């Protein structure tokens, strides 16, 4: 169950705010004011959708 919650939260963060998801993933790589590209934000949003779908499938397989 905890993995489903974590995947759901990461998915929601990626969908709602891909920039926040990018900062969570890359804060240690850059020094200063680094900004994500538009493509990177799109990919993080798509990753959020995938995480949400996977968490839904896992939930349905465990409790469905």
C-alpha atoms as a PDB file:
ATOM      1  CA  UNK A   1       0.000   0.000   0.000  1.00  0.00           C
ATOM      2  CA  UNK A   2       2.755   2.580   0.741  1.00  0.00           C
ATOM      3  CA  UNK A   3       4.177   2.209  -2.784  1.00  0.00           C
ATOM      4  CA  UNK A   4       0.749   2.996  -4.231  1.00  0.00           C
ATOM      5  CA  UNK A   5       0.551   6.168  -2.152  1.00  0.00           C
ATOM      6  CA  UNK A   6       4.077   7.235  -3.146  1.00  0.00           C
ATOM      7  CA  UNK A   7       3.431   6.604  -6.848  1.00  0.00           C
ATOM      8  CA  UNK A   8       0.128   8.479  -6.650  1.00  0.00           C
ATOM      9  CA  UNK A   9       1.733  11.476  -4.962  1.00  0.00           C
ATOM     10  CA  UNK A  10       4.605  11.577  -7.448  1.00  0.00           C
ATOM     11  CA  UNK A  11       2.130  11.265 -10.293  1.00  0.00           C
ATOM     12  CA  UNK A  12      -0.019  14.098  -8.997  1.00  0.00           C
ATOM     13  CA  UNK A  13       2.992  16.338  -8.453  1.00  0.00           C
ATOM     14  CA  UNK A  14       4.198  15.557 -11.980  1.00  0.00           C
ATOM     15  CA  UNK A  15       0.810  16.332 -13.502  1.00  0.00           C
ATOM     16  CA  UNK A  16      -0.033  19.428 -11.469  1.00  0.00           C
ATOM     17  CA  UNK A  17       3.441  20.963 -11.311  1.00  0.00           C
ATOM     18  CA  UNK A  18       6.053  19.360 -13.556  1.00  0.00           C
ATOM     19  CA  UNK A  19       8.480  22.129 -12.619  1.00  0.00           C
ATOM     20  CA  UNK A  20       8.318  21.079  -8.942  1.00  0.00           C
ATOM     21  CA  UNK A  21       8.849  17.474 -10.017  1.00  0.00           C
ATOM     22  CA  UNK A  22      11.878  18.550 -12.051  1.00  0.00           C
ATOM     23  CA  UNK A  23      13.339  20.398  -9.049  1.00  0.00           C
ATOM     24  CA  UNK A  24      12.736  17.376  -6.790  1.00  0.00           C
ATOM     25  CA  UNK A  25      14.594  15.164  -9.262  1.00  0.00           C
ATOM     26  CA  UNK A  26      17.428  17.510 -10.215  1.00  0.00           C
ATOM     27  CA  UNK A  27      18.168  19.817  -7.273  1.00  0.00           C
ATOM     28  CA  UNK A  28      21.554  18.232  -6.666  1.00  0.00           C
ATOM     29  CA  UNK A  29      22.789  18.402 -10.281  1.00  0.00           C
ATOM     30  CA  UNK A  30      22.787  22.161 -10.777  1.00  0.00           C
ATOM     31  CA  UNK A  31      24.303  25.079  -8.931  1.00  0.00           C
ATOM     32  CA  UNK A  32      22.506  28.394  -9.317  1.00  0.00           C
ATOM     33  CA  UNK A  33      19.413  29.279 -11.284  1.00  0.00           C
ATOM     34  CA  UNK A  34      18.843  26.342 -13.607  1.00  0.00           C
ATOM     35  CA  UNK A  35      15.518  26.113 -15.408  1.00  0.00           C
ATOM     36  CA  UNK A  36      13.968  23.065 -17.108  1.00  0.00           C
ATOM     37  CA  UNK A  37      13.288  23.109 -20.834  1.00  0.00           C
ATOM     38  CA  UNK A  38       9.778  22.865 -22.258  1.00  0.00           C
ATOM     39  CA  UNK A  39      10.504  19.328 -23.441  1.00  0.00           C
ATOM     40  CA  UNK A  40      11.701  18.348 -19.978  1.00  0.00           C
ATOM     41  CA  UNK A  41       8.516  19.717 -18.406  1.00  0.00           C
ATOM     42  CA  UNK A  42       6.426  17.805 -20.939  1.00  0.00           C
ATOM     43  CA  UNK A  43       8.279  14.584 -20.182  1.00  0.00           C
ATOM     44  CA  UNK A  44       7.860  15.067 -16.431  1.00  0.00           C
ATOM     45  CA  UNK A  45       4.117  15.654 -16.927  1.00  0.00           C
ATOM     46  CA  UNK A  46       3.877  12.489 -19.044  1.00  0.00           C
ATOM     47  CA  UNK A  47       5.811  10.607 -16.359  1.00  0.00           C
ATOM     48  CA  UNK A  48       3.306  11.828 -13.784  1.00  0.00           C
ATOM     49  CA  UNK A  49       0.478  10.431 -15.897  1.00  0.00           C
ATOM     50  CA  UNK A  50       2.278   7.095 -16.176  1.00  0.00           C
ATOM     51  CA  UNK A  51       2.882   6.968 -12.401  1.00  0.00           C
ATOM     52  CA  UNK A  52      -0.789   7.674 -11.751  1.00  0.00           C
ATOM     53  CA  UNK A  53      -1.894   4.960 -14.183  1.00  0.00           C
ATOM     54  CA  UNK A  54       0.507   2.437 -12.637  1.00  0.00           C
ATOM     55  CA  UNK A  55      -0.686   3.259  -9.125  1.00  0.00           C
ATOM     56  CA  UNK A  56      -4.308   2.862 -10.245  1.00  0.00           C
ATOM     57  CA  UNK A  57      -3.544  -0.523 -11.823  1.00  0.00           C
ATOM     58  CA  UNK A  58      -1.721  -1.648  -8.681  1.00  0.00           C
ATOM     59  CA  UNK A  59      -4.608  -0.521  -6.502  1.00  0.00           C
ATOM     60  CA  UNK A  60      -7.156  -2.339  -8.682  1.00  0.00           C
ATOM     61  CA  UNK A  61      -5.102  -5.541  -8.702  1.00  0.00           C
ATOM     62  CA  UNK A  62      -4.758  -5.510  -4.904  1.00  0.00           C
ATOM     63  CA  UNK A  63      -8.222  -4.331  -3.882  1.00  0.00           C
ATOM     64  CA  UNK A  64     -10.331  -4.653  -7.005  1.00  0.00           C
END
